[in-house]
C-alpha cells in the first residue's frame, strides 16, 4: 500500500514522509481532514525503512534495475554520464548475461534468442568503434568486463570512402 501510494520504494525514501503527507490530507479513513495515522505513528524508524527497502524484499525487475545502475555508476566518466561507449558496452554486457541465464532455462524462447543476437551485434559494433577511436579505453573496458580481445573481421563488401 505504501509503495503504491508513493511510487517506487526509492522515491518514497527520497521524499521521506510521503505517508505523512497523504495521511494528513485524507486522514485514516480516506476523508479530508481528521486525525491521520501518520501523527499516531511518529517518525519512520531508519532500521525498519532499511529492512523494507532491502534487496531481499525486491522483485526480480527491481534487482535487475539496481544491478544496471551499479554497472552504470562503475563505468561512468562523470556523474551525468549514461551514454558513453564504456557505459553502453557494460550495460549491454549485463543485459546479455541476464538474458543468457534466462535462455538456459527457457531454451525455446525464440524472441529472447533474437534479442540476444541483436545485443551481441550492438556490443560488437560499439567495441569496434572504441578500438578504432580510443584503443586505451577499449583495452581497459574489456579487461574490466572480462571479455576477450578478438580481431574484428573486415566487411565482405567495403564501402566507398
N, C-alpha and C. Protein backbone atom coordinates (compact mmCIF):
# COMPACT_ATOMS: atom_id res chain seq x y z
N UNK A 1 0.82 -1.19 0.00
CA UNK A 1 0.00 0.00 0.00
C UNK A 1 0.87 1.26 0.00
N UNK A 2 1.91 1.22 0.82
CA UNK A 2 2.78 2.39 0.90
C UNK A 2 3.51 2.60 -0.41
N UNK A 3 4.00 1.51 -1.02
CA UNK A 3 4.70 1.65 -2.29
C UNK A 3 3.76 2.15 -3.36
N UNK A 4 2.52 1.68 -3.37
CA UNK A 4 1.57 2.11 -4.38
C UNK A 4 1.23 3.58 -4.22
N UNK A 5 1.13 4.05 -3.01
CA UNK A 5 0.77 5.45 -2.77
C UNK A 5 1.91 6.40 -3.14
N UNK A 6 3.14 5.97 -2.97
CA UNK A 6 4.28 6.87 -3.15
C UNK A 6 5.09 6.56 -4.38
N UNK A 7 4.70 5.60 -5.19
CA UNK A 7 5.52 5.22 -6.32
C UNK A 7 6.50 4.14 -5.87
N UNK A 8 7.71 4.15 -6.40
CA UNK A 8 8.69 3.13 -6.05
C UNK A 8 9.23 3.36 -4.64
N UNK A 9 9.89 2.36 -4.12
CA UNK A 9 10.46 2.45 -2.78
C UNK A 9 11.55 3.52 -2.71
N UNK A 10 12.34 3.62 -3.79
CA UNK A 10 13.40 4.63 -3.80
C UNK A 10 12.80 6.04 -3.78
N UNK A 11 11.69 6.21 -4.50
CA UNK A 11 11.04 7.52 -4.50
C UNK A 11 10.51 7.84 -3.11
N UNK A 12 9.99 6.83 -2.44
CA UNK A 12 9.49 7.03 -1.08
C UNK A 12 10.62 7.48 -0.16
N UNK A 13 11.79 6.85 -0.33
CA UNK A 13 12.91 7.21 0.52
C UNK A 13 13.38 8.64 0.22
N UNK A 14 13.38 9.03 -1.07
CA UNK A 14 13.79 10.39 -1.43
C UNK A 14 12.82 11.41 -0.87
N UNK A 15 11.51 11.13 -0.98
CA UNK A 15 10.52 12.08 -0.49
C UNK A 15 10.42 12.06 1.01
N UNK A 16 10.83 10.94 1.59
CA UNK A 16 10.87 10.86 3.05
C UNK A 16 9.52 10.56 3.65
N UNK A 17 8.69 11.52 3.79
CA UNK A 17 7.46 11.35 4.55
C UNK A 17 6.24 11.41 3.65
N UNK A 18 6.22 10.60 2.62
CA UNK A 18 5.09 10.55 1.71
C UNK A 18 3.83 10.10 2.45
N UNK A 19 3.98 9.12 3.31
CA UNK A 19 2.85 8.61 4.07
C UNK A 19 2.25 9.69 4.95
N UNK A 20 3.11 10.44 5.60
CA UNK A 20 2.63 11.51 6.48
C UNK A 20 1.84 12.54 5.70
N UNK A 21 2.33 12.89 4.51
CA UNK A 21 1.64 13.90 3.71
C UNK A 21 0.28 13.41 3.25
N UNK A 22 0.22 12.15 2.80
CA UNK A 22 -1.06 11.65 2.31
C UNK A 22 -2.04 11.43 3.46
N UNK A 23 -1.56 10.97 4.60
CA UNK A 23 -2.45 10.69 5.71
C UNK A 23 -2.95 11.98 6.35
N UNK A 24 -2.11 13.03 6.37
CA UNK A 24 -2.57 14.27 6.98
C UNK A 24 -3.62 14.95 6.10
N UNK A 25 -3.54 14.71 4.79
CA UNK A 25 -4.51 15.30 3.89
C UNK A 25 -5.85 14.57 3.95
N UNK A 26 -5.80 13.22 3.89
CA UNK A 26 -7.02 12.45 3.78
C UNK A 26 -7.46 11.78 5.06
N UNK A 27 -6.61 11.73 6.05
CA UNK A 27 -6.99 11.05 7.29
C UNK A 27 -6.89 9.54 7.13
N UNK A 28 -7.22 8.82 8.17
CA UNK A 28 -7.05 7.37 8.13
C UNK A 28 -8.18 6.67 7.39
N UNK A 29 -9.32 7.34 7.18
CA UNK A 29 -10.45 6.69 6.52
C UNK A 29 -10.68 7.22 5.12
N UNK A 30 -9.72 7.95 4.58
CA UNK A 30 -9.84 8.42 3.22
C UNK A 30 -10.64 9.70 3.07
N UNK A 31 -11.03 10.31 4.15
CA UNK A 31 -11.77 11.57 4.09
C UNK A 31 -10.82 12.72 4.37
N UNK A 32 -11.13 13.86 3.82
CA UNK A 32 -10.28 15.02 4.06
C UNK A 32 -10.38 15.46 5.51
N UNK A 33 -9.27 15.93 6.06
CA UNK A 33 -9.24 16.39 7.45
C UNK A 33 -9.18 15.24 8.42
N UNK A 34 -9.29 15.51 9.66
CA UNK A 34 -9.30 14.44 10.66
C UNK A 34 -7.92 14.05 11.10
N UNK A 35 -7.87 13.22 12.10
CA UNK A 35 -6.61 12.74 12.67
C UNK A 35 -6.08 11.63 11.78
N UNK A 36 -4.88 11.79 11.22
CA UNK A 36 -4.30 10.78 10.36
C UNK A 36 -3.46 9.79 11.15
N UNK A 37 -3.20 8.64 10.52
CA UNK A 37 -2.38 7.63 11.17
C UNK A 37 -0.94 8.09 11.32
N UNK A 38 -0.49 8.96 10.42
CA UNK A 38 0.90 9.39 10.45
C UNK A 38 1.23 10.12 11.75
N UNK A 39 0.27 10.89 12.25
CA UNK A 39 0.52 11.57 13.51
C UNK A 39 0.61 10.57 14.66
N UNK A 40 -0.11 9.47 14.55
CA UNK A 40 -0.07 8.45 15.59
C UNK A 40 1.20 7.61 15.53
N UNK A 41 1.71 7.39 14.31
CA UNK A 41 2.89 6.53 14.14
C UNK A 41 4.18 7.24 14.51
N UNK A 42 4.30 8.51 14.26
CA UNK A 42 5.54 9.23 14.53
C UNK A 42 6.50 9.12 13.36
N UNK A 43 7.76 9.43 13.61
CA UNK A 43 8.77 9.38 12.55
C UNK A 43 9.06 7.94 12.18
N UNK A 44 9.37 7.69 10.88
CA UNK A 44 9.73 6.33 10.48
C UNK A 44 11.07 5.92 11.09
N UNK A 45 11.16 4.70 11.52
CA UNK A 45 12.40 4.21 12.13
C UNK A 45 13.36 3.80 11.02
N UNK A 46 14.60 4.29 11.07
CA UNK A 46 15.55 4.03 9.98
C UNK A 46 15.82 2.55 9.74
N UNK A 47 15.90 1.75 10.79
CA UNK A 47 16.19 0.32 10.58
C UNK A 47 15.03 -0.39 9.89
N UNK A 48 13.81 0.04 10.18
CA UNK A 48 12.65 -0.55 9.51
C UNK A 48 12.58 -0.12 8.05
N UNK A 49 12.91 1.13 7.78
CA UNK A 49 12.94 1.60 6.41
C UNK A 49 14.01 0.86 5.62
N UNK A 50 15.17 0.67 6.23
CA UNK A 50 16.26 -0.05 5.57
C UNK A 50 15.85 -1.50 5.27
N UNK A 51 15.20 -2.13 6.23
CA UNK A 51 14.75 -3.51 6.02
C UNK A 51 13.67 -3.57 4.95
N UNK A 52 12.78 -2.59 4.92
CA UNK A 52 11.72 -2.54 3.94
C UNK A 52 12.28 -2.37 2.53
N UNK A 53 13.37 -1.61 2.40
CA UNK A 53 13.96 -1.35 1.09
C UNK A 53 15.09 -2.31 0.75
N UNK A 54 15.30 -3.35 1.55
CA UNK A 54 16.41 -4.26 1.32
C UNK A 54 16.19 -5.09 0.06
N UNK A 55 17.28 -5.66 -0.45
CA UNK A 55 17.22 -6.43 -1.68
C UNK A 55 16.43 -7.72 -1.53
N UNK A 56 16.34 -8.24 -0.31
CA UNK A 56 15.62 -9.49 -0.12
C UNK A 56 14.12 -9.34 -0.37
N UNK A 57 13.59 -8.13 -0.25
CA UNK A 57 12.17 -7.91 -0.49
C UNK A 57 11.87 -7.40 -1.90
N UNK A 58 12.91 -7.20 -2.70
CA UNK A 58 12.71 -6.70 -4.06
C UNK A 58 12.31 -7.83 -5.00
N UNK A 59 11.54 -7.46 -6.03
CA UNK A 59 11.24 -8.44 -7.06
C UNK A 59 12.39 -8.46 -8.06
N UNK A 60 12.31 -9.35 -9.03
CA UNK A 60 13.41 -9.51 -9.98
C UNK A 60 13.69 -8.28 -10.80
N UNK A 61 12.64 -7.56 -11.19
CA UNK A 61 12.82 -6.36 -12.01
C UNK A 61 13.57 -5.27 -11.24
N UNK A 62 13.23 -5.09 -9.97
CA UNK A 62 13.92 -4.08 -9.16
C UNK A 62 15.38 -4.45 -8.95
N UNK A 63 15.67 -5.74 -8.73
CA UNK A 63 17.06 -6.18 -8.57
C UNK A 63 17.85 -5.94 -9.86
N UNK A 64 17.22 -6.22 -11.00
CA UNK A 64 17.86 -6.04 -12.29
C UNK A 64 18.17 -4.57 -12.53
N UNK A 65 17.22 -3.68 -12.21
CA UNK A 65 17.45 -2.25 -12.38
C UNK A 65 18.57 -1.77 -11.47
N UNK A 66 18.64 -2.30 -10.26
CA UNK A 66 19.70 -1.91 -9.33
C UNK A 66 21.06 -2.36 -9.86
N UNK A 67 21.13 -3.59 -10.42
CA UNK A 67 22.39 -4.07 -11.00
C UNK A 67 22.83 -3.18 -12.15
N UNK A 68 21.89 -2.82 -13.03
CA UNK A 68 22.23 -1.95 -14.15
C UNK A 68 22.71 -0.59 -13.67
N UNK A 69 22.09 -0.09 -12.61
CA UNK A 69 22.50 1.20 -12.05
C UNK A 69 23.92 1.13 -11.49
N UNK A 70 24.24 0.02 -10.81
CA UNK A 70 25.60 -0.15 -10.27
C UNK A 70 26.62 -0.22 -11.39
N UNK A 71 26.28 -0.95 -12.47
CA UNK A 71 27.18 -1.06 -13.61
C UNK A 71 27.41 0.31 -14.23
N UNK A 72 26.33 1.07 -14.38
CA UNK A 72 26.44 2.41 -14.96
C UNK A 72 27.35 3.29 -14.10
N UNK A 73 27.17 3.24 -12.79
CA UNK A 73 27.99 4.05 -11.89
C UNK A 73 29.46 3.67 -11.96
N UNK A 74 29.75 2.39 -12.12
CA UNK A 74 31.15 1.97 -12.10
C UNK A 74 31.89 2.30 -13.40
N UNK A 75 31.16 2.52 -14.51
CA UNK A 75 31.81 2.82 -15.78
C UNK A 75 31.65 4.26 -16.23
N UNK A 76 31.01 5.10 -15.42
CA UNK A 76 30.79 6.49 -15.79
C UNK A 76 32.09 7.28 -15.82
N UNK A 77 32.16 8.24 -16.73
CA UNK A 77 33.29 9.16 -16.76
C UNK A 77 33.05 10.30 -15.78
N UNK A 78 31.79 10.73 -15.65
CA UNK A 78 31.40 11.77 -14.72
C UNK A 78 30.00 11.44 -14.21
N UNK A 79 29.46 12.24 -13.32
CA UNK A 79 28.20 11.92 -12.65
C UNK A 79 27.01 11.78 -13.59
N UNK A 80 26.95 12.58 -14.63
CA UNK A 80 25.80 12.57 -15.53
C UNK A 80 25.99 11.66 -16.73
N UNK A 81 27.08 10.92 -16.79
CA UNK A 81 27.41 10.11 -17.96
C UNK A 81 26.59 8.82 -17.98
N UNK A 82 25.73 8.70 -18.98
CA UNK A 82 24.99 7.45 -19.17
C UNK A 82 25.11 6.95 -20.59
N UNK A 83 25.73 7.71 -21.47
CA UNK A 83 25.75 7.33 -22.87
C UNK A 83 27.11 7.11 -23.48
N UNK A 84 28.18 7.17 -22.69
CA UNK A 84 29.50 6.94 -23.28
C UNK A 84 29.62 5.48 -23.71
N UNK A 85 30.56 5.23 -24.58
CA UNK A 85 30.71 3.88 -25.13
C UNK A 85 30.99 2.85 -24.05
N UNK A 86 31.79 3.23 -23.06
CA UNK A 86 32.11 2.29 -21.99
C UNK A 86 30.86 1.89 -21.21
N UNK A 87 30.02 2.86 -20.91
CA UNK A 87 28.79 2.59 -20.16
C UNK A 87 27.85 1.74 -20.99
N UNK A 88 27.73 2.06 -22.27
CA UNK A 88 26.84 1.29 -23.13
C UNK A 88 27.29 -0.16 -23.25
N UNK A 89 28.59 -0.38 -23.41
CA UNK A 89 29.12 -1.74 -23.52
C UNK A 89 28.90 -2.50 -22.21
N UNK A 90 29.14 -1.85 -21.09
CA UNK A 90 28.97 -2.50 -19.79
C UNK A 90 27.51 -2.86 -19.55
N UNK A 91 26.60 -1.95 -19.88
CA UNK A 91 25.17 -2.23 -19.70
C UNK A 91 24.71 -3.35 -20.63
N UNK A 92 25.19 -3.32 -21.86
CA UNK A 92 24.84 -4.40 -22.79
C UNK A 92 25.37 -5.74 -22.29
N UNK A 93 26.57 -5.75 -21.74
CA UNK A 93 27.14 -6.99 -21.21
C UNK A 93 26.30 -7.54 -20.07
N UNK A 94 25.83 -6.66 -19.20
CA UNK A 94 24.97 -7.09 -18.09
C UNK A 94 23.65 -7.63 -18.62
N UNK A 95 23.08 -6.96 -19.61
CA UNK A 95 21.82 -7.43 -20.19
C UNK A 95 22.00 -8.77 -20.89
N UNK A 96 23.14 -8.95 -21.56
CA UNK A 96 23.42 -10.21 -22.26
C UNK A 96 23.55 -11.34 -21.25
N UNK A 97 24.25 -11.09 -20.14
CA UNK A 97 24.39 -12.12 -19.11
C UNK A 97 23.04 -12.51 -18.53
N UNK A 98 22.20 -11.53 -18.26
CA UNK A 98 20.87 -11.81 -17.71
C UNK A 98 20.02 -12.61 -18.69
N UNK A 99 20.04 -12.19 -19.95
CA UNK A 99 19.24 -12.88 -20.95
C UNK A 99 19.77 -14.27 -21.25
N UNK A 100 21.07 -14.47 -21.21
CA UNK A 100 21.61 -15.81 -21.46
C UNK A 100 21.24 -16.76 -20.31
N UNK A 101 21.19 -16.24 -19.08
CA UNK A 101 20.72 -17.07 -17.97
C UNK A 101 19.25 -17.44 -18.16
N UNK A 102 18.46 -16.50 -18.67
CA UNK A 102 17.05 -16.78 -18.96
C UNK A 102 16.93 -17.83 -20.05
N UNK A 103 17.77 -17.72 -21.09
CA UNK A 103 17.68 -18.66 -22.21
C UNK A 103 18.16 -20.06 -21.83
N UNK A 104 18.97 -20.19 -20.80
CA UNK A 104 19.36 -21.53 -20.35
C UNK A 104 18.17 -22.25 -19.73
N UNK A 105 17.28 -21.48 -19.09
CA UNK A 105 16.07 -22.06 -18.52
C UNK A 105 15.02 -22.33 -19.60
N UNK A 106 14.81 -21.34 -20.46
CA UNK A 106 13.75 -21.40 -21.45
C UNK A 106 14.38 -21.46 -22.84
N UNK A 107 14.76 -22.65 -23.26
CA UNK A 107 15.51 -22.82 -24.50
C UNK A 107 14.70 -22.48 -25.75
N UNK A 108 13.40 -22.58 -25.68
CA UNK A 108 12.57 -22.35 -26.87
C UNK A 108 12.11 -20.91 -27.02
N UNK A 109 12.64 -20.01 -26.23
CA UNK A 109 12.27 -18.60 -26.30
C UNK A 109 12.93 -17.97 -27.52
N UNK A 110 12.21 -17.98 -28.64
CA UNK A 110 12.76 -17.51 -29.90
C UNK A 110 12.99 -16.00 -29.88
N UNK A 111 12.09 -15.25 -29.28
CA UNK A 111 12.25 -13.80 -29.22
C UNK A 111 13.44 -13.43 -28.35
N UNK A 112 13.68 -14.18 -27.29
CA UNK A 112 14.85 -13.95 -26.45
C UNK A 112 16.14 -14.21 -27.20
N UNK A 113 16.13 -15.27 -28.04
CA UNK A 113 17.32 -15.58 -28.84
C UNK A 113 17.61 -14.46 -29.82
N UNK A 114 16.56 -13.94 -30.44
CA UNK A 114 16.75 -12.84 -31.38
C UNK A 114 17.27 -11.61 -30.64
N UNK A 115 16.73 -11.34 -29.47
CA UNK A 115 17.15 -10.17 -28.70
C UNK A 115 18.62 -10.28 -28.31
N UNK A 116 19.06 -11.48 -27.94
CA UNK A 116 20.47 -11.63 -27.55
C UNK A 116 21.39 -11.45 -28.75
N UNK A 117 20.94 -11.88 -29.93
CA UNK A 117 21.75 -11.66 -31.14
C UNK A 117 21.85 -10.18 -31.47
N UNK A 118 20.75 -9.46 -31.30
CA UNK A 118 20.76 -8.02 -31.55
C UNK A 118 21.71 -7.32 -30.58
N UNK A 119 21.65 -7.71 -29.29
CA UNK A 119 22.52 -7.08 -28.29
C UNK A 119 23.98 -7.42 -28.54
N UNK A 120 24.26 -8.66 -28.93
CA UNK A 120 25.64 -9.04 -29.22
C UNK A 120 26.20 -8.25 -30.40
N UNK A 121 25.40 -8.07 -31.44
CA UNK A 121 25.89 -7.31 -32.59
C UNK A 121 26.07 -5.83 -32.24
N UNK A 122 25.18 -5.30 -31.40
CA UNK A 122 25.32 -3.91 -30.97
C UNK A 122 26.59 -3.73 -30.13
N UNK A 123 26.84 -4.68 -29.23
CA UNK A 123 28.05 -4.59 -28.42
C UNK A 123 29.30 -4.71 -29.28
N UNK A 124 29.26 -5.59 -30.28
CA UNK A 124 30.39 -5.75 -31.19
C UNK A 124 30.67 -4.45 -31.93
N UNK A 125 29.61 -3.79 -32.40
CA UNK A 125 29.78 -2.52 -33.11
C UNK A 125 30.40 -1.46 -32.19
N UNK A 126 29.91 -1.41 -30.95
CA UNK A 126 30.45 -0.42 -30.01
C UNK A 126 31.92 -0.72 -29.69
N UNK A 127 32.25 -1.99 -29.50
CA UNK A 127 33.65 -2.35 -29.22
C UNK A 127 34.55 -2.02 -30.40
N UNK A 128 34.04 -2.26 -31.58
CA UNK A 128 34.79 -1.95 -32.80
C UNK A 128 35.07 -0.44 -32.87
N UNK A 129 34.04 0.34 -32.57
CA UNK A 129 34.17 1.79 -32.56
C UNK A 129 35.20 2.23 -31.51
N UNK A 130 35.11 1.65 -30.31
CA UNK A 130 36.04 2.01 -29.24
C UNK A 130 37.48 1.67 -29.61
N UNK A 131 37.66 0.51 -30.23
CA UNK A 131 39.02 0.10 -30.61
C UNK A 131 39.60 1.04 -31.66
N UNK A 132 38.75 1.52 -32.55
CA UNK A 132 39.20 2.42 -33.60
C UNK A 132 39.48 3.82 -33.06
N UNK A 133 38.62 4.34 -32.18
CA UNK A 133 38.74 5.72 -31.70
C UNK A 133 39.70 5.88 -30.53
N UNK A 134 39.60 4.98 -29.55
CA UNK A 134 40.43 5.12 -28.36
C UNK A 134 40.83 3.72 -27.86
N UNK A 135 41.91 3.16 -28.38
CA UNK A 135 42.30 1.80 -28.01
C UNK A 135 42.57 1.61 -26.53
N UNK A 136 43.07 2.65 -25.86
CA UNK A 136 43.36 2.51 -24.43
C UNK A 136 42.09 2.24 -23.62
N UNK A 137 41.04 3.00 -23.89
CA UNK A 137 39.77 2.78 -23.20
C UNK A 137 39.17 1.43 -23.57
N UNK A 138 39.36 1.03 -24.82
CA UNK A 138 38.87 -0.27 -25.27
C UNK A 138 39.50 -1.39 -24.45
N UNK A 139 40.82 -1.35 -24.30
CA UNK A 139 41.51 -2.43 -23.58
C UNK A 139 41.18 -2.41 -22.09
N UNK A 140 41.04 -1.24 -21.50
CA UNK A 140 40.68 -1.21 -20.08
C UNK A 140 39.25 -1.70 -19.87
N UNK A 141 38.35 -1.36 -20.79
CA UNK A 141 36.94 -1.78 -20.66
C UNK A 141 36.81 -3.29 -20.79
N UNK A 142 37.46 -3.88 -21.79
CA UNK A 142 37.30 -5.33 -21.95
C UNK A 142 38.00 -6.09 -20.82
N UNK A 143 39.06 -5.50 -20.28
CA UNK A 143 39.73 -6.13 -19.14
C UNK A 143 38.81 -6.11 -17.91
N UNK A 144 38.14 -4.99 -17.69
CA UNK A 144 37.22 -4.88 -16.55
C UNK A 144 36.03 -5.81 -16.70
N UNK A 145 35.53 -5.95 -17.93
CA UNK A 145 34.36 -6.79 -18.17
C UNK A 145 34.70 -8.28 -18.31
N UNK A 146 35.98 -8.57 -18.50
CA UNK A 146 36.39 -9.96 -18.66
C UNK A 146 36.10 -10.50 -20.05
N UNK A 147 36.08 -9.62 -21.04
CA UNK A 147 35.84 -10.05 -22.42
C UNK A 147 37.18 -10.33 -23.10
N UNK A 148 37.12 -11.13 -24.16
CA UNK A 148 38.34 -11.45 -24.91
C UNK A 148 38.56 -10.42 -25.99
N UNK A 149 39.84 -10.12 -26.22
CA UNK A 149 40.19 -9.24 -27.32
C UNK A 149 40.30 -10.10 -28.57
N UNK A 150 39.38 -9.88 -29.48
CA UNK A 150 39.42 -10.68 -30.69
C UNK A 150 39.45 -9.74 -31.88
N UNK A 151 40.08 -10.19 -32.95
CA UNK A 151 40.13 -9.31 -34.14
C UNK A 151 38.75 -9.24 -34.78
N UNK A 152 38.40 -8.04 -35.21
CA UNK A 152 37.13 -7.86 -35.90
C UNK A 152 37.35 -8.10 -37.37
N UNK A 153 36.49 -8.90 -37.96
CA UNK A 153 36.66 -9.20 -39.38
C UNK A 153 36.27 -8.00 -40.22
N UNK A 154 36.91 -7.88 -41.35
CA UNK A 154 36.60 -6.81 -42.27
C UNK A 154 35.28 -7.13 -42.95
N UNK A 155 34.53 -6.11 -43.34
CA UNK A 155 33.26 -6.38 -44.03
C UNK A 155 33.50 -7.03 -45.39
N UNK A 156 32.54 -7.86 -45.83
CA UNK A 156 32.68 -8.54 -47.12
C UNK A 156 32.71 -7.54 -48.27
N UNK A 157 31.87 -6.54 -48.14
CA UNK A 157 31.77 -5.56 -49.20
C UNK A 157 32.12 -4.18 -48.65
N UNK A 158 33.38 -3.78 -48.78
CA UNK A 158 33.78 -2.49 -48.20
C UNK A 158 33.04 -1.33 -48.87
N UNK A 159 32.75 -0.34 -48.06
CA UNK A 159 32.05 0.84 -48.57
C UNK A 159 33.04 1.80 -49.19
N UNK A 160 32.53 2.60 -50.11
CA UNK A 160 33.38 3.60 -50.76
C UNK A 160 33.57 4.77 -49.81
N UNK A 161 34.77 5.33 -49.82
CA UNK A 161 35.05 6.46 -48.94
C UNK A 161 35.19 7.74 -49.71
